[in-house]
Amino acid sequence: MNTKYDDKILPRCRKLGHEINFRYCRTAENGLPCGDIAGCWKGVLDIENFLSDAYSKNEVGKISDRKMSRMDIISEQVRKAREGRK
């Protein structure tokens, strides 16, 4: 895996609302990239080439299909927290 961009910082994550590094975005969803990675990092680094070099076309399609809103993420975290208490 190409990690040369891992320490780059995005000023504001659309989902989390604060500064974040590329490494987090690249591994945010169970080791796979966040569904918004292409949109967030476009213009900051060559994200299209990174994705096409690191993942197959099928995988890139699946990454794009997994986009979650901020509310979806919050709801998922609440659900996981509740399950952890049981």
Foldseek 3Di string as FASTA:
>chain_A
DDCPQQADWQQADQQPGGIDGVVCQCQVPVGHHALCSCVRCVVVDPVVVVDVVPHPPVSNVVSVVRHDHNVRVVVVVVVVVVVVVD
